[in-house]
C-alpha cells in the first residue's frame, strides 16, 4: 500500500490497482477539533483533481474536502454519517471518507510522500 498526501491535508492510499482510499490527515483533524458533521461525495460521480468533493464540519470550523486526483467515487464511509467523531479517533483508519477509482495515475504519483508532507508541516 502506498500513502500519498495533498497540500490540503488529505491522505490517499492506493490499496490495489482499482481503488484508492481518501481521508484527512492527523494534522487536519487536530486543526479542526471535534468533528460533528461530514458531507460525503456522491457515489458514481466523477470529480476533477482539486474539486470540492465533501465538507468536514467541527465545533471550530468547516473545511472542504478536495479530490486528490481525477477520478470516480466508488464507495463512501457511511459510518461517518452516524459517528463523525471517527475522523478524530482514527483519521488514517476507520475515519476514511471515500474510495475512488483514480483516472490519472500520474496525478497520484505527483502527490507528496510522507517525508515531503512532514516537511510541509514544518513550514506551517
C-alpha atoms as a PDB file:
ATOM      1  CA  UNK A   1       0.000   0.000   0.000  1.00  0.00           C
ATOM      2  CA  UNK A   2       1.308   3.434  -0.963  1.00  0.00           C
ATOM      3  CA  UNK A   3       0.248   6.527   1.005  1.00  0.00           C
ATOM      4  CA  UNK A   4       0.443   9.978  -0.561  1.00  0.00           C
ATOM      5  CA  UNK A   5      -0.575  13.415   0.753  1.00  0.00           C
ATOM      6  CA  UNK A   6      -2.022  16.624  -0.668  1.00  0.00           C
ATOM      7  CA  UNK A   7      -1.122  20.183   0.324  1.00  0.00           C
ATOM      8  CA  UNK A   8      -4.748  20.426   1.562  1.00  0.00           C
ATOM      9  CA  UNK A   9      -4.052  17.709   4.190  1.00  0.00           C
ATOM     10  CA  UNK A  10      -5.809  14.767   2.611  1.00  0.00           C
ATOM     11  CA  UNK A  11      -4.158  11.361   2.540  1.00  0.00           C
ATOM     12  CA  UNK A  12      -4.627   8.824  -0.230  1.00  0.00           C
ATOM     13  CA  UNK A  13      -3.850   5.106  -0.014  1.00  0.00           C
ATOM     14  CA  UNK A  14      -3.714   3.021  -3.132  1.00  0.00           C
ATOM     15  CA  UNK A  15      -4.766  -0.403  -1.875  1.00  0.00           C
ATOM     16  CA  UNK A  16      -4.743  -2.095  -5.242  1.00  0.00           C
ATOM     17  CA  UNK A  17      -4.873  -1.089  -8.867  1.00  0.00           C
ATOM     18  CA  UNK A  18      -8.601  -0.427  -8.676  1.00  0.00           C
ATOM     19  CA  UNK A  19      -9.343   1.722  -5.628  1.00  0.00           C
ATOM     20  CA  UNK A  20      -7.753   4.464  -3.574  1.00  0.00           C
ATOM     21  CA  UNK A  21      -8.934   5.372  -0.060  1.00  0.00           C
ATOM     22  CA  UNK A  22      -9.114   9.086   0.867  1.00  0.00           C
ATOM     23  CA  UNK A  23      -9.257  10.779   4.266  1.00  0.00           C
ATOM     24  CA  UNK A  24      -7.848  13.742   6.159  1.00  0.00           C
ATOM     25  CA  UNK A  25      -4.540  13.693   7.981  1.00  0.00           C
ATOM     26  CA  UNK A  26      -3.855  13.705  11.694  1.00  0.00           C
ATOM     27  CA  UNK A  27      -2.761  17.336  11.342  1.00  0.00           C
ATOM     28  CA  UNK A  28      -6.052  18.309   9.672  1.00  0.00           C
ATOM     29  CA  UNK A  29      -8.269  16.656  12.272  1.00  0.00           C
ATOM     30  CA  UNK A  30      -6.248  18.245  15.091  1.00  0.00           C
ATOM     31  CA  UNK A  31      -6.618  21.676  13.473  1.00  0.00           C
ATOM     32  CA  UNK A  32     -10.373  21.192  13.047  1.00  0.00           C
ATOM     33  CA  UNK A  33     -11.074  19.903  16.531  1.00  0.00           C
ATOM     34  CA  UNK A  34     -14.097  17.734  17.303  1.00  0.00           C
ATOM     35  CA  UNK A  35     -15.748  16.752  14.017  1.00  0.00           C
ATOM     36  CA  UNK A  36     -19.552  16.960  14.277  1.00  0.00           C
ATOM     37  CA  UNK A  37     -20.703  16.530  10.644  1.00  0.00           C
ATOM     38  CA  UNK A  38     -19.351  15.123   7.401  1.00  0.00           C
ATOM     39  CA  UNK A  39     -20.804  15.663   3.931  1.00  0.00           C
ATOM     40  CA  UNK A  40     -19.627  12.836   1.697  1.00  0.00           C
ATOM     41  CA  UNK A  41     -19.337  12.858  -2.099  1.00  0.00           C
ATOM     42  CA  UNK A  42     -21.816  11.166  -4.387  1.00  0.00           C
ATOM     43  CA  UNK A  43     -21.018   7.549  -5.299  1.00  0.00           C
ATOM     44  CA  UNK A  44     -20.695   7.115  -9.063  1.00  0.00           C
ATOM     45  CA  UNK A  45     -19.829  10.748  -9.676  1.00  0.00           C
ATOM     46  CA  UNK A  46     -16.545  11.733 -11.293  1.00  0.00           C
ATOM     47  CA  UNK A  47     -14.619  14.686  -9.908  1.00  0.00           C
ATOM     48  CA  UNK A  48     -11.648  16.626 -11.214  1.00  0.00           C
ATOM     49  CA  UNK A  49      -8.462  16.981  -9.204  1.00  0.00           C
ATOM     50  CA  UNK A  50      -8.886  19.871  -6.742  1.00  0.00           C
ATOM     51  CA  UNK A  51     -12.686  19.886  -6.988  1.00  0.00           C
ATOM     52  CA  UNK A  52     -14.596  20.030  -3.691  1.00  0.00           C
ATOM     53  CA  UNK A  53     -15.855  16.511  -3.011  1.00  0.00           C
ATOM     54  CA  UNK A  54     -17.171  16.944   0.519  1.00  0.00           C
ATOM     55  CA  UNK A  55     -17.221  19.011   3.690  1.00  0.00           C
ATOM     56  CA  UNK A  56     -15.987  18.391   7.218  1.00  0.00           C
ATOM     57  CA  UNK A  57     -17.571  20.462  10.000  1.00  0.00           C
ATOM     58  CA  UNK A  58     -16.241  20.709  13.520  1.00  0.00           C
ATOM     59  CA  UNK A  59     -17.072  22.708  16.608  1.00  0.00           C
ATOM     60  CA  UNK A  60     -14.432  25.243  15.472  1.00  0.00           C
ATOM     61  CA  UNK A  61     -14.691  25.415  11.674  1.00  0.00           C
ATOM     62  CA  UNK A  62     -15.794  23.874   8.404  1.00  0.00           C
ATOM     63  CA  UNK A  63     -13.364  22.693   5.762  1.00  0.00           C
ATOM     64  CA  UNK A  64     -13.745  21.470   2.222  1.00  0.00           C
ATOM     65  CA  UNK A  65     -12.521  18.029   1.240  1.00  0.00           C
ATOM     66  CA  UNK A  66     -10.765  18.200  -2.124  1.00  0.00           C
ATOM     67  CA  UNK A  67     -10.413  15.485  -4.733  1.00  0.00           C
ATOM     68  CA  UNK A  68      -6.731  14.449  -4.742  1.00  0.00           C
ATOM     69  CA  UNK A  69      -6.764  13.331  -8.384  1.00  0.00           C
ATOM     70  CA  UNK A  70      -9.210  12.970 -11.252  1.00  0.00           C
ATOM     71  CA  UNK A  71     -11.460  10.013 -10.591  1.00  0.00           C
ATOM     72  CA  UNK A  72     -14.788   8.461  -9.758  1.00  0.00           C
ATOM     73  CA  UNK A  73     -16.108   7.900  -6.243  1.00  0.00           C
ATOM     74  CA  UNK A  74     -16.880   4.196  -5.867  1.00  0.00           C
ATOM     75  CA  UNK A  75     -17.710   3.998  -2.143  1.00  0.00           C
ATOM     76  CA  UNK A  76     -18.249   6.299   0.847  1.00  0.00           C
ATOM     77  CA  UNK A  77     -17.782   5.632   4.554  1.00  0.00           C
ATOM     78  CA  UNK A  78     -21.416   5.768   5.663  1.00  0.00           C
ATOM     79  CA  UNK A  79     -20.345   5.148   9.283  1.00  0.00           C
ATOM     80  CA  UNK A  80     -19.265   8.818   9.370  1.00  0.00           C
ATOM     81  CA  UNK A  81     -22.884   9.940   8.991  1.00  0.00           C
ATOM     82  CA  UNK A  82     -23.794   8.396  12.352  1.00  0.00           C
ATOM     83  CA  UNK A  83     -20.398   8.781  14.014  1.00  0.00           C
ATOM     84  CA  UNK A  84     -18.421  11.706  12.525  1.00  0.00           C
ATOM     85  CA  UNK A  85     -16.072  11.541  15.527  1.00  0.00           C
ATOM     86  CA  UNK A  86     -14.375   8.545  13.862  1.00  0.00           C
ATOM     87  CA  UNK A  87     -12.410  11.179  11.964  1.00  0.00           C
ATOM     88  CA  UNK A  88     -10.884  12.332  15.257  1.00  0.00           C
ATOM     89  CA  UNK A  89     -10.446   8.864  16.733  1.00  0.00           C
ATOM     90  CA  UNK A  90      -8.754   7.249  13.732  1.00  0.00           C
ATOM     91  CA  UNK A  91      -8.232   9.687  10.820  1.00  0.00           C
ATOM     92  CA  UNK A  92      -5.882   7.363   8.936  1.00  0.00           C
ATOM     93  CA  UNK A  93      -8.035   4.256   9.504  1.00  0.00           C
ATOM     94  CA  UNK A  94     -11.750   3.928  10.300  1.00  0.00           C
ATOM     95  CA  UNK A  95     -12.202   7.688   9.759  1.00  0.00           C
ATOM     96  CA  UNK A  96     -11.645   7.440   5.986  1.00  0.00           C
ATOM     97  CA  UNK A  97     -14.073   9.387   3.771  1.00  0.00           C
ATOM     98  CA  UNK A  98     -14.349   7.692   0.388  1.00  0.00           C
ATOM     99  CA  UNK A  99     -12.828   5.296  -2.095  1.00  0.00           C
ATOM    100  CA  UNK A 100     -12.147   6.357  -5.639  1.00  0.00           C
ATOM    101  CA  UNK A 101     -11.053   4.962  -8.954  1.00  0.00           C
ATOM    102  CA  UNK A 102      -8.046   7.097  -9.948  1.00  0.00           C
ATOM    103  CA  UNK A 103      -8.390   8.158 -13.595  1.00  0.00           C
ATOM    104  CA  UNK A 104      -4.862   9.543 -13.947  1.00  0.00           C
ATOM    105  CA  UNK A 105      -2.191   7.578 -12.088  1.00  0.00           C
ATOM    106  CA  UNK A 106       0.369  10.319 -12.863  1.00  0.00           C
ATOM    107  CA  UNK A 107      -1.659  12.737 -10.688  1.00  0.00           C
ATOM    108  CA  UNK A 108      -1.497  10.255  -7.812  1.00  0.00           C
ATOM    109  CA  UNK A 109       2.227   9.717  -8.318  1.00  0.00           C
ATOM    110  CA  UNK A 110       2.782  13.504  -8.224  1.00  0.00           C
ATOM    111  CA  UNK A 111       1.303  13.810  -4.704  1.00  0.00           C
ATOM    112  CA  UNK A 112       3.653  14.172  -1.728  1.00  0.00           C
ATOM    113  CA  UNK A 113       5.188  11.194   0.014  1.00  0.00           C
ATOM    114  CA  UNK A 114       5.481  11.050   3.821  1.00  0.00           C
ATOM    115  CA  UNK A 115       8.796  12.935   4.140  1.00  0.00           C
ATOM    116  CA  UNK A 116       7.602  15.685   1.775  1.00  0.00           C
ATOM    117  CA  UNK A 117       4.365  16.081   3.752  1.00  0.00           C
ATOM    118  CA  UNK A 118       6.322  16.219   7.029  1.00  0.00           C
ATOM    119  CA  UNK A 119       8.483  18.963   5.504  1.00  0.00           C
ATOM    120  CA  UNK A 120       5.318  20.880   4.540  1.00  0.00           C
ATOM    121  CA  UNK A 121       4.019  20.651   8.111  1.00  0.00           C
ATOM    122  CA  UNK A 122       7.240  22.214   9.417  1.00  0.00           C
ATOM    123  CA  UNK A 123       6.534  25.325   7.313  1.00  0.00           C
ATOM    124  CA  UNK A 124       3.064  25.895   8.819  1.00  0.00           C
END
